[in-house]
Amino acid sequence: MRNRIILLIQIIVILFFLTSNTYSDLKHYDGSDFDQISSRLKEVKTGISGSGYTQNKPDPLSKLTAKLVQKGKKYIKERGLNAAIAIINKKPRKFRDFKTYLFIINIKGDVLAHSGNPNFAGMNMLSTKDSRGHLFIQEYINNIQQFDGINYINILTLADDKQYIYNFVYLERIDNNLIIGAISKP
């Protein structure tokens, strides 16, 4: 009798692992936004295979930036521009998602709000360069003057001639003088 119970438990455990692997939602995500990312970043696991733990596919970084800008615009609409700027600078974690952060700048290059680093608020960063050597704030202002809303990728080419995604940028106009945007780094 005891041997039958042990055999039954073993069969149940084996069937559990076989069915949880077969019916699990865990699948390798290889969306079009990640084509340029190195293979070491693609191999990030979203759960333990066969554990029964499932997770939805994460939003691509280009969608995260757009969602964060929409959240910022919603706060501006509900509470007003000055209150939204104060909230973004006071509670920046509300306006961050993974490595994605929100900012509000004016056409002169003054940073009004920044959820990645609230210390940037009040600074003029028009002549500031990023790690690639680009005047990124000037680039944002030039791009938003050409388009009302823009979602684009900055590509970095290294010495090995491989291209990597440097960041995703999403920009929208608040009015003729103000820009709200989000940046996400892979």
Protein backbone atom coordinates (compact mmCIF):
# COMPACT_ATOMS: atom_id res chain seq x y z
CA MET A 1 0.00 0.00 0.00
CA ARG A 2 2.76 2.43 0.93
CA ASN A 3 4.61 1.77 -2.36
CA ARG A 4 1.45 2.61 -4.32
CA ILE A 5 1.07 5.95 -2.52
CA ILE A 6 4.71 6.84 -3.23
CA LEU A 7 4.28 5.83 -6.88
CA LEU A 8 1.11 7.94 -7.14
CA ILE A 9 2.87 10.98 -5.66
CA GLN A 10 5.77 10.56 -8.10
CA ILE A 11 3.36 10.38 -11.05
CA ILE A 12 1.56 13.52 -9.86
CA VAL A 13 4.84 15.44 -9.53
CA ILE A 14 6.03 14.35 -12.98
CA LEU A 15 2.69 15.29 -14.56
CA PHE A 16 2.76 18.67 -12.82
CA PHE A 17 6.15 19.57 -14.31
CA LEU A 18 5.23 18.30 -17.76
CA THR A 19 1.94 20.20 -17.92
CA SER A 20 3.27 23.42 -16.37
CA ASN A 21 6.00 23.57 -19.02
CA THR A 22 3.53 22.82 -21.83
CA TYR A 23 0.85 25.31 -20.78
CA SER A 24 3.06 28.05 -19.36
CA ASP A 25 2.78 31.64 -20.72
CA LEU A 26 6.55 32.02 -20.59
CA LYS A 27 7.84 32.49 -24.10
CA HIS A 28 10.97 34.11 -25.43
CA TYR A 29 10.11 37.72 -26.35
CA ASP A 30 11.91 38.98 -29.40
CA GLY A 31 9.95 42.02 -30.53
CA SER A 32 10.98 44.34 -33.34
CA ASP A 33 12.12 47.02 -30.88
CA PHE A 34 14.82 44.68 -29.58
CA ASP A 35 16.39 43.68 -32.92
CA GLN A 36 19.39 45.93 -32.40
CA ILE A 37 20.08 44.98 -28.79
CA SER A 38 22.96 42.63 -28.11
CA SER A 39 22.14 38.98 -27.41
CA ARG A 40 23.21 39.22 -23.78
CA LEU A 41 20.30 41.60 -23.12
CA LYS A 42 17.81 39.38 -24.96
CA GLU A 43 18.48 36.45 -22.64
CA VAL A 44 16.92 38.07 -19.56
CA LYS A 45 14.48 35.59 -18.04
CA THR A 46 10.97 36.65 -17.04
CA GLY A 47 10.28 33.69 -14.76
CA ILE A 48 11.30 30.18 -13.82
CA SER A 49 10.28 27.64 -16.43
CA GLY A 50 7.96 24.97 -15.09
CA SER A 51 7.34 26.72 -11.79
CA GLY A 52 3.76 27.64 -12.64
CA TYR A 53 4.78 31.31 -12.37
CA THR A 54 3.67 33.25 -15.41
CA GLN A 55 4.16 36.84 -16.43
CA ASN A 56 2.78 38.89 -19.28
CA LYS A 57 5.18 40.13 -21.91
CA PRO A 58 6.65 43.47 -20.87
CA ASP A 59 5.81 46.57 -22.86
CA PRO A 60 8.50 47.49 -25.37
CA LEU A 61 10.56 50.47 -24.28
CA SER A 62 9.07 52.62 -27.03
CA LYS A 63 5.60 52.06 -25.52
CA LEU A 64 6.81 52.69 -21.98
CA THR A 65 8.00 56.16 -22.98
CA ALA A 66 4.67 57.00 -24.64
CA LYS A 67 2.71 55.73 -21.61
CA LEU A 68 4.81 57.80 -19.22
CA VAL A 69 4.27 60.96 -21.28
CA GLN A 70 0.52 60.30 -21.30
CA LYS A 71 0.61 59.90 -17.51
CA GLY A 72 2.43 63.25 -17.21
CA LYS A 73 -0.05 64.95 -19.53
CA LYS A 74 -2.92 63.52 -17.47
CA TYR A 75 -1.44 65.06 -14.29
CA ILE A 76 -1.04 68.40 -16.07
CA LYS A 77 -4.65 68.30 -17.27
CA GLU A 78 -6.04 67.30 -13.85
CA ARG A 79 -3.90 69.46 -11.55
CA GLY A 80 -2.42 72.19 -13.72
CA LEU A 81 1.12 72.66 -15.01
CA ASN A 82 2.73 74.09 -11.86
CA ALA A 83 1.24 71.43 -9.58
CA ALA A 84 2.31 68.64 -11.97
CA ILE A 85 5.87 70.02 -12.13
CA ALA A 86 5.99 70.14 -8.33
CA ILE A 87 4.73 66.55 -8.03
CA ILE A 88 7.22 65.25 -10.62
CA ASN A 89 10.13 66.90 -8.80
CA LYS A 90 8.88 66.04 -5.30
CA LYS A 91 7.86 62.42 -5.96
CA PRO A 92 9.94 61.32 -8.96
CA ARG A 93 9.34 57.59 -8.41
CA LYS A 94 5.72 58.05 -9.47
CA PHE A 95 7.01 59.10 -12.90
CA ARG A 96 9.61 56.39 -13.45
CA ASP A 97 9.18 52.96 -14.88
CA PHE A 98 12.19 50.65 -14.98
CA LYS A 99 14.85 52.78 -16.73
CA THR A 100 12.29 55.19 -18.18
CA TYR A 101 11.88 58.71 -16.82
CA LEU A 102 9.81 61.80 -17.55
CA PHE A 103 10.91 65.40 -18.07
CA ILE A 104 9.42 68.78 -18.92
CA ILE A 105 11.58 71.40 -20.65
CA ASN A 106 10.99 74.72 -22.35
CA ILE A 107 12.22 75.84 -25.78
CA LYS A 108 15.14 77.72 -24.16
CA GLY A 109 16.50 74.45 -22.72
CA ASP A 110 15.46 75.04 -19.10
CA VAL A 111 14.51 71.84 -17.28
CA LEU A 112 11.31 72.40 -15.30
CA ALA A 113 10.77 68.83 -14.07
CA HIS A 114 12.84 65.65 -14.24
CA SER A 115 11.93 62.31 -12.65
CA GLY A 116 15.32 60.74 -13.39
CA ASN A 117 17.18 63.40 -11.41
CA PRO A 118 15.10 66.15 -9.77
CA ASN A 119 18.33 68.13 -9.20
CA PHE A 120 18.24 69.01 -12.92
CA ALA A 121 15.08 71.08 -12.35
CA GLY A 122 15.84 74.77 -12.79
CA MET A 123 19.01 74.14 -14.82
CA ASN A 124 19.54 75.25 -18.41
CA MET A 125 20.89 72.22 -20.25
CA LEU A 126 20.80 73.54 -23.81
CA SER A 127 24.58 73.19 -24.22
CA THR A 128 24.91 69.92 -22.25
CA LYS A 129 26.23 66.87 -24.12
CA ASP A 130 25.36 63.24 -23.48
CA SER A 131 27.88 60.38 -23.35
CA ARG A 132 27.81 60.18 -27.16
CA GLY A 133 28.85 63.84 -27.43
CA HIS A 134 25.46 65.05 -28.76
CA LEU A 135 23.68 68.18 -27.62
CA PHE A 136 20.62 66.15 -26.66
CA ILE A 137 18.35 68.96 -25.40
CA GLN A 138 19.01 70.93 -28.58
CA GLU A 139 18.19 67.75 -30.53
CA TYR A 140 14.86 67.40 -28.66
CA ILE A 141 13.92 71.01 -29.38
CA ASN A 142 14.84 70.70 -33.07
CA ASN A 143 12.89 67.45 -33.44
CA ILE A 144 9.74 68.72 -31.73
CA GLN A 145 9.74 71.85 -33.90
CA GLN A 146 9.57 69.62 -36.99
CA PHE A 147 6.88 67.25 -35.62
CA ASP A 148 4.09 67.65 -33.07
CA GLY A 149 4.78 64.32 -31.39
CA ILE A 150 7.75 62.10 -32.08
CA ASN A 151 8.90 58.66 -30.97
CA TYR A 152 12.38 57.65 -32.09
CA ILE A 153 15.45 55.56 -31.27
CA ASN A 154 19.04 56.77 -30.92
CA ILE A 155 21.52 54.21 -32.23
CA LEU A 156 25.10 53.94 -31.00
CA THR A 157 27.76 52.38 -33.24
CA LEU A 158 30.77 51.05 -31.36
CA ALA A 159 34.27 50.28 -32.58
CA ASP A 160 33.22 46.74 -33.58
CA ASP A 161 30.82 48.33 -36.13
CA LYS A 162 27.82 46.82 -34.37
CA GLN A 163 24.89 49.09 -33.74
CA TYR A 164 23.24 49.18 -30.34
CA ILE A 165 20.17 51.04 -29.15
CA TYR A 166 21.36 53.97 -27.03
CA ASN A 167 17.90 55.12 -25.92
CA PHE A 168 14.26 55.56 -26.85
CA VAL A 169 12.85 59.10 -26.82
CA TYR A 170 9.22 60.19 -26.94
CA LEU A 171 8.37 63.90 -27.14
CA GLU A 172 5.13 65.88 -27.27
CA ARG A 173 4.30 69.56 -27.12
CA ILE A 174 2.43 70.91 -24.13
CA ASP A 175 2.15 74.31 -25.82
CA ASN A 176 4.35 76.43 -28.11
CA ASN A 177 6.93 76.92 -25.35
CA LEU A 178 6.92 73.63 -23.39
CA ILE A 179 7.88 70.05 -24.23
CA ILE A 180 7.04 66.93 -22.23
CA GLY A 181 9.10 63.85 -22.95
CA ALA A 182 10.30 60.50 -21.70
CA ILE A 183 13.54 58.63 -22.21
CA SER A 184 14.17 54.93 -21.79
CA LYS A 185 17.54 53.21 -21.82
CA PRO A 186 17.78 49.48 -22.53
